[in-house]
Amino acid sequence: MDNEMEQFQKDLLDSVRQMKNGKAARTTEVTLSAAEARAKAGVSQNAFAQLLGVSLRTLQDWEQGRRQPNGAAQTLLRVASQHPEALRDLQGIYAGNVGCCGTRHQGQSLSRDGH
C-alpha cells in the first residue's frame, strides 16, 4: 500500500474516532455574546431584536446559549458592541425622531438637503 493511501486511512480512522467521542475536528467559537452586545448598546431585548432584524425569540435564544448567531448576525453583534452609538442612532431613525444628521425632526418631512 502506498503512503498516500495509508495516510488517508489513518485520517479517516481519526475522524471516525473523533465523531464517536463527540469531538469535532473544527469548531467555531463565538467570543461575543448577544447579551454583552445589547448591554453595550443600552437597549431592550425587543428594540435590539428589531434593530438586528431578528425575532425576539431568536435574540433570547442567542442570549441564553440555545442557538448561535450566523455569520452576518455575528458581524452585526460586533458592530453593536464596538460602536453602540451606531445602533442608538438607528433606533432613533426607526422611531422617526432623528434624521441622518442627528437633528430631531419630530415627524416633519425632510427637505431636499435632509433638514
C-alpha atoms as a PDB file:
ATOM      1  CA  MET A   1       0.000   0.000   0.000  1.00  0.00           C
ATOM      2  CA  ASP A   2       1.398   3.428  -0.865  1.00  0.00           C
ATOM      3  CA  ASN A   3       1.968   6.182   1.708  1.00  0.00           C
ATOM      4  CA  GLU A   4      -0.877   8.348   0.425  1.00  0.00           C
ATOM      5  CA  MET A   5      -3.437   5.577   0.935  1.00  0.00           C
ATOM      6  CA  GLU A   6      -2.072   4.790   4.398  1.00  0.00           C
ATOM      7  CA  GLN A   7      -2.336   8.450   5.396  1.00  0.00           C
ATOM      8  CA  PHE A   8      -5.891   8.620   4.060  1.00  0.00           C
ATOM      9  CA  GLN A   9      -6.901   5.563   6.084  1.00  0.00           C
ATOM     10  CA  LYS A  10      -5.257   6.974   9.221  1.00  0.00           C
ATOM     11  CA  ASP A  11      -7.037  10.330   8.783  1.00  0.00           C
ATOM     12  CA  LEU A  12     -10.354   8.602   8.175  1.00  0.00           C
ATOM     13  CA  LEU A  13      -9.930   6.432  11.263  1.00  0.00           C
ATOM     14  CA  ASP A  14      -9.028   9.505  13.358  1.00  0.00           C
ATOM     15  CA  SER A  15     -12.145  11.276  12.094  1.00  0.00           C
ATOM     16  CA  VAL A  16     -14.376   8.341  12.990  1.00  0.00           C
ATOM     17  CA  ARG A  17     -12.856   8.200  16.492  1.00  0.00           C
ATOM     18  CA  GLN A  18     -13.447  11.937  16.951  1.00  0.00           C
ATOM     19  CA  MET A  19     -17.071  11.570  15.870  1.00  0.00           C
ATOM     20  CA  LYS A  20     -17.633   8.683  18.272  1.00  0.00           C
ATOM     21  CA  ASN A  21     -16.117  10.707  21.117  1.00  0.00           C
ATOM     22  CA  GLY A  22     -18.279  13.697  20.273  1.00  0.00           C
ATOM     23  CA  LYS A  23     -15.299  15.806  19.284  1.00  0.00           C
ATOM     24  CA  ALA A  24     -15.333  17.923  16.177  1.00  0.00           C
ATOM     25  CA  ALA A  25     -12.268  18.467  14.041  1.00  0.00           C
ATOM     26  CA  ARG A  26     -13.251  22.107  13.594  1.00  0.00           C
ATOM     27  CA  THR A  27     -15.220  24.317  15.893  1.00  0.00           C
ATOM     28  CA  THR A  28     -16.180  27.962  15.730  1.00  0.00           C
ATOM     29  CA  GLU A  29     -16.039  29.922  18.944  1.00  0.00           C
ATOM     30  CA  VAL A  30     -18.262  32.963  19.336  1.00  0.00           C
ATOM     31  CA  THR A  31     -16.362  35.252  21.664  1.00  0.00           C
ATOM     32  CA  LEU A  32     -19.004  37.961  21.892  1.00  0.00           C
ATOM     33  CA  SER A  33     -22.330  37.210  23.469  1.00  0.00           C
ATOM     34  CA  ALA A  34     -25.516  38.801  22.220  1.00  0.00           C
ATOM     35  CA  ALA A  35     -26.324  39.887  25.770  1.00  0.00           C
ATOM     36  CA  GLU A  36     -22.999  41.747  26.067  1.00  0.00           C
ATOM     37  CA  ALA A  37     -23.540  43.486  22.728  1.00  0.00           C
ATOM     38  CA  ARG A  38     -27.074  44.504  23.722  1.00  0.00           C
ATOM     39  CA  ALA A  39     -25.879  45.796  27.086  1.00  0.00           C
ATOM     40  CA  LYS A  40     -23.235  47.936  25.378  1.00  0.00           C
ATOM     41  CA  ALA A  41     -25.888  49.312  23.023  1.00  0.00           C
ATOM     42  CA  GLY A  42     -28.070  50.084  26.040  1.00  0.00           C
ATOM     43  CA  VAL A  43     -31.352  48.919  24.515  1.00  0.00           C
ATOM     44  CA  SER A  44     -34.089  46.461  25.470  1.00  0.00           C
ATOM     45  CA  GLN A  45     -34.257  42.947  24.052  1.00  0.00           C
ATOM     46  CA  ASN A  46     -37.224  43.920  21.908  1.00  0.00           C
ATOM     47  CA  ALA A  47     -35.521  47.018  20.481  1.00  0.00           C
ATOM     48  CA  PHE A  48     -32.258  45.138  19.881  1.00  0.00           C
ATOM     49  CA  ALA A  49     -34.059  42.316  18.070  1.00  0.00           C
ATOM     50  CA  GLN A  50     -35.822  44.844  15.828  1.00  0.00           C
ATOM     51  CA  LEU A  51     -32.570  46.650  15.059  1.00  0.00           C
ATOM     52  CA  LEU A  52     -30.878  43.365  14.143  1.00  0.00           C
ATOM     53  CA  GLY A  53     -33.862  42.213  12.093  1.00  0.00           C
ATOM     54  CA  VAL A  54     -34.468  39.052  14.113  1.00  0.00           C
ATOM     55  CA  SER A  55     -37.342  37.866  16.244  1.00  0.00           C
ATOM     56  CA  LEU A  56     -37.332  38.452  19.981  1.00  0.00           C
ATOM     57  CA  ARG A  57     -37.286  34.674  20.485  1.00  0.00           C
ATOM     58  CA  THR A  58     -34.158  34.328  18.316  1.00  0.00           C
ATOM     59  CA  LEU A  59     -32.357  37.013  20.308  1.00  0.00           C
ATOM     60  CA  GLN A  60     -33.383  35.341  23.572  1.00  0.00           C
ATOM     61  CA  ASP A  61     -32.084  32.008  22.263  1.00  0.00           C
ATOM     62  CA  TRP A  62     -28.740  33.647  21.426  1.00  0.00           C
ATOM     63  CA  GLU A  63     -28.500  35.320  24.813  1.00  0.00           C
ATOM     64  CA  GLN A  64     -29.295  32.089  26.657  1.00  0.00           C
ATOM     65  CA  GLY A  65     -26.918  29.984  24.554  1.00  0.00           C
ATOM     66  CA  ARG A  66     -29.588  27.797  22.963  1.00  0.00           C
ATOM     67  CA  ARG A  67     -28.607  28.951  19.463  1.00  0.00           C
ATOM     68  CA  GLN A  68     -25.608  30.624  17.863  1.00  0.00           C
ATOM     69  CA  PRO A  69     -25.929  33.622  15.535  1.00  0.00           C
ATOM     70  CA  ASN A  70     -24.879  33.093  11.919  1.00  0.00           C
ATOM     71  CA  GLY A  71     -22.006  34.964  10.266  1.00  0.00           C
ATOM     72  CA  ALA A  72     -23.983  38.064   9.298  1.00  0.00           C
ATOM     73  CA  ALA A  73     -25.583  38.290  12.729  1.00  0.00           C
ATOM     74  CA  GLN A  74     -22.172  37.907  14.377  1.00  0.00           C
ATOM     75  CA  THR A  75     -20.960  40.872  12.334  1.00  0.00           C
ATOM     76  CA  LEU A  76     -23.916  42.966  13.475  1.00  0.00           C
ATOM     77  CA  LEU A  77     -23.259  41.970  17.076  1.00  0.00           C
ATOM     78  CA  ARG A  78     -19.630  43.050  16.692  1.00  0.00           C
ATOM     79  CA  VAL A  79     -20.746  46.426  15.323  1.00  0.00           C
ATOM     80  CA  ALA A  80     -23.238  46.785  18.169  1.00  0.00           C
ATOM     81  CA  SER A  81     -20.523  46.036  20.692  1.00  0.00           C
ATOM     82  CA  GLN A  82     -17.749  48.168  19.199  1.00  0.00           C
ATOM     83  CA  HIS A  83     -19.933  51.067  18.011  1.00  0.00           C
ATOM     84  CA  PRO A  84     -23.079  51.092  20.167  1.00  0.00           C
ATOM     85  CA  GLU A  85     -23.787  54.677  19.119  1.00  0.00           C
ATOM     86  CA  ALA A  86     -24.480  53.389  15.595  1.00  0.00           C
ATOM     87  CA  LEU A  87     -27.327  51.231  16.888  1.00  0.00           C
ATOM     88  CA  ARG A  88     -28.661  54.004  19.096  1.00  0.00           C
ATOM     89  CA  ASP A  89     -28.680  56.279  16.023  1.00  0.00           C
ATOM     90  CA  LEU A  90     -30.585  53.618  14.088  1.00  0.00           C
ATOM     91  CA  GLN A  91     -33.047  53.263  16.929  1.00  0.00           C
ATOM     92  CA  GLY A  92     -33.773  56.998  16.740  1.00  0.00           C
ATOM     93  CA  ILE A  93     -34.205  56.867  12.979  1.00  0.00           C
ATOM     94  CA  TYR A  94     -36.605  53.910  13.239  1.00  0.00           C
ATOM     95  CA  ALA A  95     -38.570  55.761  15.885  1.00  0.00           C
ATOM     96  CA  GLY A  96     -38.901  58.676  13.459  1.00  0.00           C
ATOM     97  CA  ASN A  97     -37.272  61.127  15.821  1.00  0.00           C
ATOM     98  CA  VAL A  98     -33.831  61.709  14.390  1.00  0.00           C
ATOM     99  CA  GLY A  99     -32.633  62.343  10.873  1.00  0.00           C
ATOM    100  CA  CYS A 100     -29.359  61.157   9.422  1.00  0.00           C
ATOM    101  CA  CYS A 101     -27.578  64.272  10.697  1.00  0.00           C
ATOM    102  CA  GLY A 102     -28.757  63.794  14.282  1.00  0.00           C
ATOM    103  CA  THR A 103     -31.298  66.635  14.076  1.00  0.00           C
ATOM    104  CA  ARG A 104     -34.636  65.965  15.730  1.00  0.00           C
ATOM    105  CA  HIS A 105     -37.392  66.338  13.154  1.00  0.00           C
ATOM    106  CA  GLN A 106     -40.405  65.253  15.238  1.00  0.00           C
ATOM    107  CA  GLY A 107     -42.262  63.674  12.338  1.00  0.00           C
ATOM    108  CA  GLN A 108     -41.930  66.573   9.887  1.00  0.00           C
ATOM    109  CA  SER A 109     -40.905  65.763   6.346  1.00  0.00           C
ATOM    110  CA  LEU A 110     -37.315  66.357   5.385  1.00  0.00           C
ATOM    111  CA  SER A 111     -36.333  68.922   2.775  1.00  0.00           C
ATOM    112  CA  ARG A 112     -34.088  68.089  -0.142  1.00  0.00           C
ATOM    113  CA  ASP A 113     -30.880  68.633   1.785  1.00  0.00           C
ATOM    114  CA  GLY A 114     -32.111  66.310   4.550  1.00  0.00           C
ATOM    115  CA  HIS A 115     -33.085  69.031   7.067  1.00  0.00           C
END
